[in-house]
Protein backbone atom coordinates (compact mmCIF):
# COMPACT_ATOMS: atom_id res chain seq x y z
CA MET A 1 83.19 99.53 112.08
CA ASN A 2 83.52 101.31 108.72
CA LYS A 3 86.49 102.17 106.89
CA SER A 4 87.04 106.21 105.47
CA VAL A 5 87.65 106.77 101.87
CA LEU A 6 88.66 110.15 100.56
CA LEU A 7 87.59 110.00 96.80
CA ILE A 8 88.47 112.86 94.73
CA GLU A 9 86.90 112.88 91.37
CA ASP A 10 85.39 115.54 89.37
CA ASP A 11 82.55 113.66 87.24
CA LEU A 12 79.63 114.30 89.75
CA GLN A 13 77.74 111.39 88.58
CA MET A 14 80.46 108.88 89.11
CA GLN A 15 81.41 110.48 92.03
CA GLU A 16 77.60 109.79 93.48
CA PHE A 17 77.79 106.39 92.05
CA ILE A 18 81.05 105.25 93.85
CA ILE A 19 79.61 106.77 97.05
CA GLU A 20 76.59 104.77 97.13
CA TYR A 21 78.37 101.75 95.96
CA LEU A 22 81.19 101.67 98.39
CA LYS A 23 78.48 102.36 101.09
CA ASP A 24 76.93 98.71 100.53
CA TYR A 25 80.46 97.50 101.59
CA ASN A 26 80.85 99.56 104.70
CA PHE A 27 83.00 102.14 103.80
CA ASP A 28 82.46 105.94 104.44
CA CYS A 29 83.16 107.36 101.40
CA THR A 30 83.87 111.73 101.29
CA ALA A 31 83.93 113.30 97.96
CA PHE A 32 85.73 116.33 96.71
CA VAL A 33 85.76 117.61 93.12
CA HIS A 34 88.49 120.44 93.59
CA PRO A 35 91.82 119.35 94.64
CA LYS A 36 92.35 122.12 97.18
CA ASP A 37 89.17 121.63 99.20
CA ALA A 38 90.36 117.64 99.15
CA LEU A 39 93.94 119.05 100.16
CA GLU A 40 92.49 120.94 103.21
CA SER A 41 90.35 118.19 104.69
CA PHE A 42 92.86 115.60 104.32
CA LYS A 43 95.09 117.69 106.14
CA ASN A 44 92.59 118.10 108.75
CA SER A 45 91.67 114.64 109.43
CA ASN A 46 93.32 111.27 110.50
CA ASP A 47 90.04 109.34 109.75
CA TYR A 48 91.42 108.71 106.01
CA GLU A 49 92.43 104.98 105.38
CA ILE A 50 92.54 105.33 101.59
CA ILE A 51 92.34 107.87 98.94
CA ILE A 52 90.74 107.21 95.01
CA LEU A 53 92.11 109.86 93.00
CA ASP A 54 91.10 110.86 89.67
CA LEU A 55 93.34 112.46 87.35
CA MET A 56 91.43 114.79 85.18
CA LEU A 57 90.79 117.39 87.57
CA PRO A 58 90.13 121.33 87.88
CA ASP A 59 92.67 123.72 88.62
CA MET A 60 95.50 121.00 89.07
CA ASP A 61 96.48 117.81 87.64
CA GLY A 62 96.17 114.59 89.23
CA PHE A 63 99.70 113.55 89.60
CA ASP A 64 100.90 117.07 90.66
CA LEU A 65 97.89 116.58 93.63
CA PHE A 66 99.25 113.03 94.23
CA LYS A 67 102.61 114.42 95.37
CA LYS A 68 100.80 116.82 97.54
CA LEU A 69 98.91 114.08 99.25
CA LYS A 70 102.11 111.88 99.66
CA GLN A 71 104.04 115.01 101.48
CA ILE A 72 100.69 115.37 103.86
CA LYS A 73 100.56 111.70 104.98
CA ASP A 74 101.72 108.40 103.29
CA ILE A 75 98.33 106.48 103.16
CA PRO A 76 97.14 104.41 100.19
CA ILE A 77 96.21 105.83 97.04
CA ILE A 78 94.06 103.90 94.04
CA ILE A 79 94.30 106.08 90.70
CA SER A 80 90.97 105.89 89.16
CA SER A 81 91.47 107.49 85.55
CA ALA A 82 90.48 107.54 82.00
CA ARG A 83 93.91 107.87 81.21
CA GLY A 84 94.72 103.92 80.74
CA ASP A 85 97.71 104.29 78.53
CA ILE A 86 100.49 102.85 79.74
CA GLY A 87 102.97 105.76 79.56
CA ASN A 88 100.31 107.16 82.43
CA LYS A 89 100.00 103.88 84.52
CA ILE A 90 103.88 103.98 84.57
CA HIS A 91 104.27 107.33 85.88
CA GLY A 92 101.43 106.51 88.39
CA PHE A 93 103.27 103.64 89.81
CA GLU A 94 106.60 105.39 89.98
CA LEU A 95 104.85 107.72 91.85
CA GLY A 96 103.94 105.26 94.38
CA ALA A 97 100.48 104.58 93.34
CA ASP A 98 99.07 101.36 95.25
CA ASP A 99 96.94 100.54 92.24
CA TYR A 100 95.68 102.28 88.74
CA LEU A 101 92.22 101.46 87.66
CA ALA A 102 91.22 102.97 83.99
CA LYS A 103 88.13 103.62 83.43
CA PRO A 104 85.52 102.19 82.77
CA TYR A 105 85.66 99.59 85.28
CA GLU A 106 83.00 97.18 87.26
CA PRO A 107 82.73 98.73 90.89
CA ARG A 108 83.17 95.59 92.22
CA GLU A 109 86.55 95.38 90.85
CA LEU A 110 87.25 98.84 93.02
CA VAL A 111 85.65 97.27 95.95
CA LEU A 112 87.88 94.59 95.99
CA ARG A 113 91.22 96.19 95.26
CA ILE A 114 90.05 98.65 98.29
CA GLU A 115 89.99 95.58 100.42
CA HIS A 116 92.84 93.80 99.15
CA ILE A 117 95.27 97.20 99.85
CA LEU A 118 93.73 97.61 103.37
CA LYS A 119 94.27 94.03 104.06
CA LYS A 120 97.78 94.13 103.25
CA ASN A 121 98.53 97.38 105.00
CA ILE A 122 97.05 96.18 108.23
CA SER A 123 99.09 93.10 107.96
CA ASN A 124 102.22 95.40 108.07
CA LYS A 125 101.21 97.44 110.99
CA ILE A 126 101.70 95.06 114.25
CA LYS A 127 100.95 95.96 117.95
CA ILE A 128 103.26 94.31 120.60
CA CYS A 129 103.27 94.93 124.32
CA ASN A 130 103.53 98.79 124.27
CA PHE A 131 105.11 99.41 120.93
CA GLU A 132 103.01 99.76 117.40
CA ILE A 133 105.26 99.22 114.70
CA ASP A 134 104.58 100.04 110.59
CA LYS A 135 106.96 97.56 108.72
CA ASP A 136 106.36 99.60 105.67
CA ASN A 137 107.30 102.77 106.91
CA ARG A 138 109.54 101.45 109.53
CA THR A 139 108.25 103.01 112.37
CA VAL A 140 107.83 102.53 115.89
CA VAL A 141 105.52 103.91 118.32
CA LEU A 142 105.98 103.81 122.03
CA ASP A 143 103.14 104.48 124.53
CA ASP A 144 102.36 107.37 121.50
CA PHE A 145 105.96 108.53 121.67
CA PRO A 146 107.85 107.90 117.79
CA ILE A 147 111.12 106.02 118.64
CA GLU A 148 113.78 107.08 115.79
CA PHE A 149 115.63 104.12 114.76
CA THR A 150 118.66 103.90 112.43
CA LYS A 151 118.23 101.38 109.71
CA ILE A 152 120.38 98.78 111.38
CA GLU A 153 118.82 99.48 114.78
CA PHE A 154 115.33 98.95 113.26
CA GLU A 155 116.26 95.80 111.45
CA ILE A 156 117.77 94.40 114.71
CA PHE A 157 114.88 95.34 116.73
CA MET A 158 112.22 93.88 113.97
CA PHE A 159 114.51 90.19 114.21
CA LEU A 160 113.82 90.58 118.36
CA ILE A 161 110.28 91.11 117.90
CA ASN A 162 109.91 88.19 115.02
CA ASN A 163 111.57 85.86 117.40
CA LEU A 164 109.49 86.93 120.88
CA ASN A 165 110.65 85.37 123.83
CA LYS A 166 112.94 83.27 122.17
CA ILE A 167 116.92 83.64 122.41
CA SER A 168 118.95 84.70 119.87
CA SER A 169 122.31 84.51 119.43
CA ARG A 170 125.19 87.47 118.25
CA GLU A 171 125.39 85.48 114.83
CA GLN A 172 121.52 85.38 114.10
CA ILE A 173 121.25 88.95 114.84
CA LEU A 174 123.91 89.82 112.56
CA ASN A 175 122.81 87.43 109.87
CA ALA A 176 119.42 89.19 109.87
CA THR A 177 121.08 92.76 109.61
CA SER A 178 121.86 94.87 106.46
CA LEU A 179 125.85 94.65 108.84
CA ASP A 180 129.16 92.93 107.21
CA GLU A 181 129.07 89.81 108.18
CA ASN A 182 132.67 90.50 109.20
CA THR A 183 131.10 92.56 111.90
CA LYS A 184 132.22 91.78 115.40
CA ASN A 185 129.79 91.04 118.37
CA ARG A 186 130.64 94.36 120.29
CA THR A 187 129.30 96.11 117.32
CA ILE A 188 125.96 94.00 118.07
CA ASP A 189 126.30 94.89 121.70
CA MET A 190 126.50 98.49 120.91
CA HIS A 191 123.29 98.59 118.59
CA ILE A 192 121.45 96.87 121.58
CA SER A 193 122.47 99.56 123.93
CA ASN A 194 121.37 102.19 121.32
CA ILE A 195 117.80 100.58 120.96
CA ARG A 196 117.56 100.05 124.87
CA HIS A 197 118.71 103.47 125.43
CA LYS A 198 115.82 104.65 122.56
CA ILE A 199 112.96 102.52 124.39
CA GLY A 200 113.72 103.63 128.00
CA ASP A 201 115.06 100.11 128.33
CA ASP A 202 117.57 100.12 131.93
CA SER A 203 120.49 97.67 130.84
CA LYS A 204 121.18 96.49 134.17
CA ASN A 205 117.44 95.61 134.80
CA PRO A 206 115.60 95.37 131.34
CA ILE A 207 111.91 95.20 130.57
CA TYR A 208 112.48 94.07 127.17
CA ILE A 209 115.68 93.05 125.95
CA LYS A 210 116.80 90.74 128.04
CA SER A 211 120.53 89.80 127.83
CA VAL A 212 121.40 85.53 127.97
CA TRP A 213 124.93 85.50 129.29
CA GLY A 214 127.30 83.83 126.19
CA ILE A 215 124.85 83.62 124.36
CA GLY A 216 122.93 87.32 123.08
CA TYR A 217 119.60 88.38 123.50
CA LYS A 218 115.73 87.69 123.84
CA PHE A 219 112.70 90.03 123.42
CA VAL A 220 110.37 89.29 126.45
CA GLY A 221 106.68 90.45 125.98
């Protein structure tokens, strides 16, 4: 299945070249010249997996457009611009750019960078049982329903997931979190109780997080 790319580029010749080149590597590229058109398309589509963004655009600076895109949805963005000085590069990375290519560049390099970013992005998204987990954005979805974990709850949940079907002691769970090392065991129990409640796990007959008497817990999958 082809990957969907949003290209925002005001140079029509460059735009057409990128579209045709990416097509050879199984990328479907939708291109826009005007930022407002790109924003409208981005708002109304869930298909885009990565954005290639020029900075010198009509009616809106590329960095301003970058911020608006990130407010809508946080997907990878590669900045592709003739503004290749170090100041612009630093500013782009500070805003959260995944990569910055200074024009001119070899199109094959663009393809390799896209593939690298998407591969990394996929590796940080996992599906276990009925849970969809995005480790980068610290989000968990259960049966299409988003679960709102606190920072500590997410740390505990991920530790149990990463040790699937293995018994973890309260001390091991504590050491895997940012909780103070002097935290008492009952605090871990309280967080486990909160996690169970949020994922609809009955503490008396849990489906996912099992209690192991006298030791700790394990996530069953």
